[in-house]
PDB file of N, CA and C in Angstrom:
ATOM      1  N   MET A   1       0.540  -1.187   0.031  1.00  0.00           N
ATOM      2  CA  MET A   1      -0.056  -0.074  -0.535  1.00  0.00           C
ATOM      3  C   MET A   1       1.102   0.910   0.160  1.00  0.00           C
ATOM      4  N   SER A   2       0.908   2.153  -0.616  1.00  0.00           N
ATOM      5  CA  SER A   2       1.092   3.233  -1.039  1.00  0.00           C
ATOM      6  C   SER A   2       0.847   4.193   0.194  1.00  0.00           C
ATOM      7  N   LYS A   3       2.424   5.501   0.470  1.00  0.00           N
ATOM      8  CA  LYS A   3       1.742   5.529   1.747  1.00  0.00           C
ATOM      9  C   LYS A   3       0.942   7.221   0.248  1.00  0.00           C
ATOM     10  N   PRO A   4      -0.650   8.317   1.084  1.00  0.00           N
ATOM     11  CA  PRO A   4      -0.566   9.717   1.009  1.00  0.00           C
ATOM     12  C   PRO A   4       0.779  10.960   0.979  1.00  0.00           C
ATOM     13  N   ARG A   5       0.585  11.343  -0.721  1.00  0.00           N
ATOM     14  CA  ARG A   5       1.125  12.847  -0.541  1.00  0.00           C
ATOM     15  C   ARG A   5       1.192  13.363  -0.334  1.00  0.00           C
ATOM     16  N   LYS A   6       2.436  14.097   0.481  1.00  0.00           N
ATOM     17  CA  LYS A   6       1.634  15.064   1.308  1.00  0.00           C
ATOM     18  C   LYS A   6       2.123  16.358   0.049  1.00  0.00           C
ATOM     19  N   LEU A   7       1.120  17.382   0.313  1.00  0.00           N
ATOM     20  CA  LEU A   7       1.134  18.567  -0.237  1.00  0.00           C
ATOM     21  C   LEU A   7       1.737  18.983   0.115  1.00  0.00           C
ATOM     22  N   ILE A   8       2.806  19.952  -1.226  1.00  0.00           N
ATOM     23  CA  ILE A   8       4.500  20.914  -0.687  1.00  0.00           C
ATOM     24  C   ILE A   8       3.385  22.438  -1.176  1.00  0.00           C
ATOM     25  N   HIS A   9       3.377  22.853   0.332  1.00  0.00           N
ATOM     26  CA  HIS A   9       2.654  24.524   0.135  1.00  0.00           C
ATOM     27  C   HIS A   9       3.832  25.351  -0.198  1.00  0.00           C
ATOM     28  N   ASN A  10       3.416  26.536  -0.536  1.00  0.00           N
ATOM     29  CA  ASN A  10       4.816  27.383  -1.439  1.00  0.00           C
ATOM     30  C   ASN A  10       5.010  28.089  -0.837  1.00  0.00           C
ATOM     31  N   THR A  11       5.804  28.856  -0.461  1.00  0.00           N
ATOM     32  CA  THR A  11       6.489  29.931   0.762  1.00  0.00           C
ATOM     33  C   THR A  11       5.985  30.767   0.090  1.00  0.00           C
ATOM     34  N   PRO A  12       5.963  32.786   1.377  1.00  0.00           N
ATOM     35  CA  PRO A  12       5.851  32.982   0.973  1.00  0.00           C
ATOM     36  C   PRO A  12       6.368  33.940  -0.059  1.00  0.00           C
ATOM     37  N   GLU A  13       7.935  34.168  -0.488  1.00  0.00           N
ATOM     38  CA  GLU A  13       8.248  34.222  -0.624  1.00  0.00           C
ATOM     39  C   GLU A  13       8.010  33.773  -3.099  1.00  0.00           C
ATOM     40  N   GLU A  14       7.568  32.458  -2.004  1.00  0.00           N
ATOM     41  CA  GLU A  14       7.551  31.719  -4.075  1.00  0.00           C
ATOM     42  C   GLU A  14       5.569  32.560  -4.488  1.00  0.00           C
ATOM     43  N   GLU A  15       5.517  31.866  -3.392  1.00  0.00           N
ATOM     44  CA  GLU A  15       4.108  33.007  -3.959  1.00  0.00           C
ATOM     45  C   GLU A  15       4.270  34.283  -4.676  1.00  0.00           C
ATOM     46  N   ALA A  16       4.593  34.826  -3.886  1.00  0.00           N
ATOM     47  CA  ALA A  16       4.892  36.410  -4.293  1.00  0.00           C
ATOM     48  C   ALA A  16       5.864  36.058  -5.994  1.00  0.00           C
ATOM     49  N   ALA A  17       6.575  34.984  -5.602  1.00  0.00           N
ATOM     50  CA  ALA A  17       6.810  35.993  -7.125  1.00  0.00           C
ATOM     51  C   ALA A  17       7.048  35.585  -8.015  1.00  0.00           C
ATOM     52  N   ILE A  18       5.408  34.302  -8.224  1.00  0.00           N
ATOM     53  CA  ILE A  18       4.310  33.864  -8.496  1.00  0.00           C
ATOM     54  C   ILE A  18       3.687  34.859  -9.557  1.00  0.00           C
ATOM     55  N   ALA A  19       2.803  35.123  -8.051  1.00  0.00           N
ATOM     56  CA  ALA A  19       2.595  36.493  -8.249  1.00  0.00           C
ATOM     57  C   ALA A  19       2.604  37.827  -9.263  1.00  0.00           C
ATOM     58  N   ARG A  20       4.024  37.794  -9.005  1.00  0.00           N
ATOM     59  CA  ARG A  20       5.424  39.040  -9.600  1.00  0.00           C
ATOM     60  C   ARG A  20       5.767  38.466 -10.990  1.00  0.00           C
ATOM     61  N   GLY A  21       4.703  37.403 -11.862  1.00  0.00           N
ATOM     62  CA  GLY A  21       5.253  36.933 -13.200  1.00  0.00           C
ATOM     63  C   GLY A  21       3.450  36.628 -13.483  1.00  0.00           C
ATOM     64  N   ILE A  22       2.833  36.431 -12.966  1.00  0.00           N
ATOM     65  CA  ILE A  22       1.658  36.685 -13.645  1.00  0.00           C
ATOM     66  C   ILE A  22       0.975  38.274 -14.164  1.00  0.00           C
ATOM     67  N   ALA A  23       1.528  39.827 -12.791  1.00  0.00           N
ATOM     68  CA  ALA A  23       1.336  40.609 -12.952  1.00  0.00           C
ATOM     69  C   ALA A  23       2.011  40.709 -14.128  1.00  0.00           C
ATOM     70  N   ALA A  24       3.362  40.798 -14.581  1.00  0.00           N
ATOM     71  CA  ALA A  24       3.973  41.010 -15.860  1.00  0.00           C
ATOM     72  C   ALA A  24       3.643  40.913 -17.116  1.00  0.00           C
ATOM     73  N   ASP A  25       2.999  39.277 -16.979  1.00  0.00           N
ATOM     74  CA  ASP A  25       2.235  38.761 -18.001  1.00  0.00           C
ATOM     75  C   ASP A  25       1.125  39.883 -18.599  1.00  0.00           C
ATOM     76  N   PRO A  26       1.707  40.055 -19.819  1.00  0.00           N
ATOM     77  CA  PRO A  26       0.327  40.773 -20.753  1.00  0.00           C
ATOM     78  C   PRO A  26      -0.769  40.138 -20.751  1.00  0.00           C
ATOM     79  N   GLY A  27      -1.153  39.018 -21.502  1.00  0.00           N
ATOM     80  CA  GLY A  27      -2.012  38.367 -21.582  1.00  0.00           C
ATOM     81  C   GLY A  27      -2.321  37.744 -20.367  1.00  0.00           C
ATOM     82  N   THR A  28      -2.397  37.806 -18.968  1.00  0.00           N
ATOM     83  CA  THR A  28      -2.408  37.350 -17.956  1.00  0.00           C
ATOM     84  C   THR A  28      -4.442  38.417 -17.906  1.00  0.00           C
ATOM     85  N   PHE A  29      -5.589  37.837 -17.684  1.00  0.00           N
ATOM     86  CA  PHE A  29      -6.333  38.719 -17.380  1.00  0.00           C
ATOM     87  C   PHE A  29      -7.252  37.310 -15.178  1.00  0.00           C
ATOM     88  N   GLU A  30      -6.772  38.228 -15.096  1.00  0.00           N
ATOM     89  CA  GLU A  30      -7.641  38.079 -13.846  1.00  0.00           C
ATOM     90  C   GLU A  30      -9.087  38.620 -13.375  1.00  0.00           C
ATOM     91  N   PRO A  31     -10.137  37.652 -13.144  1.00  0.00           N
ATOM     92  CA  PRO A  31     -10.915  38.381 -13.233  1.00  0.00           C
ATOM     93  C   PRO A  31     -11.943  39.255 -11.454  1.00  0.00           C
ATOM     94  N   THR A  32     -13.028  40.207 -11.894  1.00  0.00           N
ATOM     95  CA  THR A  32     -12.966  41.237 -10.929  1.00  0.00           C
ATOM     96  C   THR A  32     -13.336  39.402  -9.888  1.00  0.00           C
ATOM     97  N   ASN A  33     -13.671  39.950  -8.853  1.00  0.00           N
ATOM     98  CA  ASN A  33     -15.476  38.898  -7.642  1.00  0.00           C
ATOM     99  C   ASN A  33     -16.049  38.554  -8.444  1.00  0.00           C
ATOM    100  N   GLU A  34     -17.058  40.236  -9.353  1.00  0.00           N
ATOM    101  CA  GLU A  34     -18.302  40.125  -9.674  1.00  0.00           C
ATOM    102  C   GLU A  34     -17.550  39.032 -10.887  1.00  0.00           C
ATOM    103  N   GLN A  35     -17.533  38.988 -11.405  1.00  0.00           N
ATOM    104  CA  GLN A  35     -16.915  38.561 -12.434  1.00  0.00           C
ATOM    105  C   GLN A  35     -17.146  37.044 -12.278  1.00  0.00           C
ATOM    106  N   PHE A  36     -15.872  36.747 -11.569  1.00  0.00           N
ATOM    107  CA  PHE A  36     -15.909  35.908 -11.128  1.00  0.00           C
ATOM    108  C   PHE A  36     -17.986  35.284 -10.314  1.00  0.00           C
ATOM    109  N   ALA A  37     -18.122  35.014  -9.933  1.00  0.00           N
ATOM    110  CA  ALA A  37     -19.159  35.202  -9.586  1.00  0.00           C
ATOM    111  C   ALA A  37     -19.790  34.712 -10.742  1.00  0.00           C
ATOM    112  N   GLN A  38     -19.947  35.582 -11.797  1.00  0.00           N
ATOM    113  CA  GLN A  38     -20.869  35.413 -12.421  1.00  0.00           C
ATOM    114  C   GLN A  38     -20.284  34.162 -13.918  1.00  0.00           C
ATOM    115  N   MET A  39     -19.520  33.705 -13.612  1.00  0.00           N
ATOM    116  CA  MET A  39     -18.863  32.958 -14.353  1.00  0.00           C
ATOM    117  C   MET A  39     -19.533  30.887 -13.690  1.00  0.00           C
ATOM    118  N   LYS A  40     -19.239  31.647 -12.642  1.00  0.00           N
ATOM    119  CA  LYS A  40     -19.857  29.653 -11.647  1.00  0.00           C
ATOM    120  C   LYS A  40     -21.200  30.572 -12.319  1.00  0.00           C
ATOM    121  N   ARG A  41     -22.206  31.339 -12.090  1.00  0.00           N
ATOM    122  CA  ARG A  41     -23.469  30.996 -12.290  1.00  0.00           C
ATOM    123  C   ARG A  41     -23.345  30.633 -13.828  1.00  0.00           C
ATOM    124  N   ARG A  42     -22.810  30.458 -14.701  1.00  0.00           N
ATOM    125  CA  ARG A  42     -23.247  30.593 -16.120  1.00  0.00           C
ATOM    126  C   ARG A  42     -22.749  28.963 -15.929  1.00  0.00           C
ATOM    127  N   SER A  43     -22.634  27.911 -15.480  1.00  0.00           N
ATOM    128  CA  SER A  43     -21.589  26.291 -15.720  1.00  0.00           C
ATOM    129  C   SER A  43     -23.232  25.573 -16.400  1.00  0.00           C
ATOM    130  N   GLY A  44     -22.616  24.685 -16.806  1.00  0.00           N
ATOM    131  CA  GLY A  44     -23.399  23.384 -16.917  1.00  0.00           C
ATOM    132  C   GLY A  44     -23.813  23.946 -18.597  1.00  0.00           C
ATOM    133  N   ARG A  45     -24.865  23.619 -19.037  1.00  0.00           N
ATOM    134  CA  ARG A  45     -25.435  23.260 -20.423  1.00  0.00           C
ATOM    135  C   ARG A  45     -26.908  25.016 -20.462  1.00  0.00           C
ATOM    136  N   PRO A  46     -27.394  25.074 -21.795  1.00  0.00           N
ATOM    137  CA  PRO A  46     -28.227  26.670 -21.477  1.00  0.00           C
ATOM    138  C   PRO A  46     -29.393  25.880 -20.475  1.00  0.00           C
ATOM    139  N   LYS A  47     -30.501  27.010 -20.305  1.00  0.00           N
ATOM    140  CA  LYS A  47     -31.199  25.496 -19.862  1.00  0.00           C
ATOM    141  C   LYS A  47     -32.238  25.763 -20.947  1.00  0.00           C
ATOM    142  N   LEU A  48     -33.414  24.890 -21.917  1.00  0.00           N
ATOM    143  CA  LEU A  48     -34.277  24.337 -22.985  1.00  0.00           C
ATOM    144  C   LEU A  48     -35.457  25.355 -22.946  1.00  0.00           C
ATOM    145  N   ALA A  49     -35.620  25.831 -23.835  1.00  0.00           N
ATOM    146  CA  ALA A  49     -37.196  26.658 -24.315  1.00  0.00           C
ATOM    147  C   ALA A  49     -37.637  25.507 -23.415  1.00  0.00           C
ATOM    148  N   ASN A  50     -37.522  23.920 -23.756  1.00  0.00           N
ATOM    149  CA  ASN A  50     -38.858  22.992 -23.368  1.00  0.00           C
ATOM    150  C   ASN A  50     -38.013  21.748 -23.745  1.00  0.00           C
ATOM    151  N   PRO A  51     -37.840  21.657 -22.170  1.00  0.00           N
ATOM    152  CA  PRO A  51     -36.708  20.330 -21.526  1.00  0.00           C
ATOM    153  C   PRO A  51     -37.961  19.001 -21.439  1.00  0.00           C
ATOM    154  N   LYS A  52     -36.764  18.612 -22.004  1.00  0.00           N
ATOM    155  CA  LYS A  52     -37.378  17.311 -21.228  1.00  0.00           C
ATOM    156  C   LYS A  52     -37.389  16.891 -20.224  1.00  0.00           C
ATOM    157  N   VAL A  53     -38.752  15.209 -20.110  1.00  0.00           N
ATOM    158  CA  VAL A  53     -39.380  14.954 -18.648  1.00  0.00           C
ATOM    159  C   VAL A  53     -38.752  13.312 -19.122  1.00  0.00           C
ATOM    160  N   ALA A  54     -38.411  13.254 -17.610  1.00  0.00           N
ATOM    161  CA  ALA A  54     -38.035  11.508 -17.386  1.00  0.00           C
ATOM    162  C   ALA A  54     -39.119  11.183 -17.095  1.00  0.00           C
ATOM    163  N   VAL A  55     -39.090   9.362 -17.393  1.00  0.00           N
ATOM    164  CA  VAL A  55     -39.815   9.331 -16.969  1.00  0.00           C
ATOM    165  C   VAL A  55     -39.756   7.788 -16.934  1.00  0.00           C
ATOM    166  N   THR A  56     -40.321   6.787 -15.906  1.00  0.00           N
ATOM    167  CA  THR A  56     -40.438   5.473 -16.417  1.00  0.00           C
ATOM    168  C   THR A  56     -41.361   5.219 -15.930  1.00  0.00           C
ATOM    169  N   VAL A  57     -41.581   3.841 -17.156  1.00  0.00           N
ATOM    170  CA  VAL A  57     -42.675   2.935 -17.419  1.00  0.00           C
ATOM    171  C   VAL A  57     -41.606   1.328 -17.444  1.00  0.00           C
ATOM    172  N   HIS A  58     -43.366   0.373 -16.666  1.00  0.00           N
ATOM    173  CA  HIS A  58     -43.544  -0.558 -16.174  1.00  0.00           C
ATOM    174  C   HIS A  58     -43.805  -1.647 -17.791  1.00  0.00           C
ATOM    175  N   TYR A  59     -43.474  -2.700 -17.438  1.00  0.00           N
ATOM    176  CA  TYR A  59     -43.649  -4.006 -19.001  1.00  0.00           C
ATOM    177  C   TYR A  59     -43.498  -4.720 -18.616  1.00  0.00           C
ATOM    178  N   ASP A  60     -44.714  -5.253 -18.558  1.00  0.00           N
ATOM    179  CA  ASP A  60     -44.690  -7.259 -18.781  1.00  0.00           C
ATOM    180  C   ASP A  60     -43.543  -7.532 -19.192  1.00  0.00           C
ATOM    181  N   VAL A  61     -43.110  -8.578 -18.626  1.00  0.00           N
ATOM    182  CA  VAL A  61     -40.890  -9.065 -19.456  1.00  0.00           C
ATOM    183  C   VAL A  61     -41.905  -9.586 -20.626  1.00  0.00           C
ATOM    184  N   ASP A  62     -42.948 -10.529 -21.458  1.00  0.00           N
ATOM    185  CA  ASP A  62     -43.295 -10.691 -22.681  1.00  0.00           C
ATOM    186  C   ASP A  62     -43.518  -9.566 -23.702  1.00  0.00           C
ATOM    187  N   VAL A  63     -43.303  -8.604 -23.410  1.00  0.00           N
ATOM    188  CA  VAL A  63     -44.041  -6.667 -24.027  1.00  0.00           C
ATOM    189  C   VAL A  63     -41.994  -6.947 -24.231  1.00  0.00           C
ATOM    190  N   VAL A  64     -41.208  -6.749 -23.410  1.00  0.00           N
ATOM    191  CA  VAL A  64     -40.498  -6.365 -23.366  1.00  0.00           C
ATOM    192  C   VAL A  64     -39.132  -6.611 -24.238  1.00  0.00           C
ATOM    193  N   GLU A  65     -39.516  -8.314 -23.786  1.00  0.00           N
ATOM    194  CA  GLU A  65     -39.338  -9.501 -25.049  1.00  0.00           C
ATOM    195  C   GLU A  65     -39.432  -9.246 -25.806  1.00  0.00           C
ATOM    196  N   CYS A  66     -40.116  -9.215 -26.447  1.00  0.00           N
ATOM    197  CA  CYS A  66     -41.111  -8.594 -28.029  1.00  0.00           C
ATOM    198  C   CYS A  66     -39.996  -7.633 -28.301  1.00  0.00           C
ATOM    199  N   PHE A  67     -40.326  -7.164 -28.272  1.00  0.00           N
ATOM    200  CA  PHE A  67     -38.716  -5.936 -28.417  1.00  0.00           C
ATOM    201  C   PHE A  67     -37.786  -5.823 -28.869  1.00  0.00           C
ATOM    202  N   LYS A  68     -36.797  -6.598 -27.815  1.00  0.00           N
ATOM    203  CA  LYS A  68     -35.582  -7.609 -28.146  1.00  0.00           C
ATOM    204  C   LYS A  68     -35.484  -8.289 -29.720  1.00  0.00           C
ATOM    205  N   ALA A  69     -36.692  -8.677 -28.993  1.00  0.00           N
ATOM    206  CA  ALA A  69     -36.244  -9.825 -30.789  1.00  0.00           C
ATOM    207  C   ALA A  69     -36.520  -9.102 -31.668  1.00  0.00           C
ATOM    208  N   SER A  70     -37.170  -7.163 -31.533  1.00  0.00           N
ATOM    209  CA  SER A  70     -37.017  -6.810 -32.686  1.00  0.00           C
ATOM    210  C   SER A  70     -35.810  -6.158 -33.628  1.00  0.00           C
ATOM    211  N   GLY A  71     -34.838  -6.636 -32.428  1.00  0.00           N
ATOM    212  CA  GLY A  71     -33.133  -6.570 -32.880  1.00  0.00           C
ATOM    213  C   GLY A  71     -32.419  -5.526 -32.404  1.00  0.00           C
ATOM    214  N   GLU A  72     -31.095  -5.221 -32.328  1.00  0.00           N
ATOM    215  CA  GLU A  72     -30.812  -4.312 -32.470  1.00  0.00           C
ATOM    216  C   GLU A  72     -30.870  -3.248 -32.755  1.00  0.00           C
ATOM    217  N   GLY A  73     -30.781  -2.354 -31.242  1.00  0.00           N
ATOM    218  CA  GLY A  73     -31.446  -1.039 -31.074  1.00  0.00           C
ATOM    219  C   GLY A  73     -32.802  -0.865 -31.107  1.00  0.00           C
ATOM    220  N   TRP A  74     -33.082  -2.205 -30.683  1.00  0.00           N
ATOM    221  CA  TRP A  74     -34.820  -2.233 -29.668  1.00  0.00           C
ATOM    222  C   TRP A  74     -35.200  -0.914 -29.497  1.00  0.00           C
ATOM    223  N   GLN A  75     -34.458  -0.597 -28.774  1.00  0.00           N
ATOM    224  CA  GLN A  75     -34.615   0.524 -27.317  1.00  0.00           C
ATOM    225  C   GLN A  75     -34.550   2.140 -27.935  1.00  0.00           C
ATOM    226  N   THR A  76     -33.939   2.359 -29.250  1.00  0.00           N
ATOM    227  CA  THR A  76     -34.529   3.396 -29.714  1.00  0.00           C
ATOM    228  C   THR A  76     -35.524   3.369 -31.057  1.00  0.00           C
ATOM    229  N   LEU A  77     -35.931   2.881 -31.460  1.00  0.00           N
ATOM    230  CA  LEU A  77     -36.334   1.855 -32.811  1.00  0.00           C
ATOM    231  C   LEU A  77     -37.837   3.128 -32.453  1.00  0.00           C
ATOM    232  N   GLY A  78     -37.905   4.154 -34.236  1.00  0.00           N
ATOM    233  CA  GLY A  78     -38.789   5.258 -34.387  1.00  0.00           C
ATOM    234  C   GLY A  78     -38.513   5.831 -33.442  1.00  0.00           C
ATOM    235  N   MET A  79     -36.932   6.024 -32.954  1.00  0.00           N
ATOM    236  CA  MET A  79     -35.984   7.767 -32.804  1.00  0.00           C
ATOM    237  C   MET A  79     -36.616   8.441 -33.163  1.00  0.00           C
ATOM    238  N   GLU A  80     -35.924   8.004 -33.890  1.00  0.00           N
ATOM    239  CA  GLU A  80     -34.690   8.191 -35.553  1.00  0.00           C
ATOM    240  C   GLU A  80     -35.464   9.584 -36.251  1.00  0.00           C
TER     241      GLU A  80
END
């Protein structure tokens, strides 16, 4: 069994050097707190105008066997 790795934190001097490097990079974008909060809210897919609804249906075994007998892709027949 391997030992869990220990996280080695940067020293304050290393953190300051990193911050200076970020500040010196003209391609760096640092979002404001408001921009960051807005980005967090926008995660995921956009909301659909007509979202689908999940439905559970129970069929007798013989009905499911009949569908399966129609061949591969029986779960999506008629959905194309």
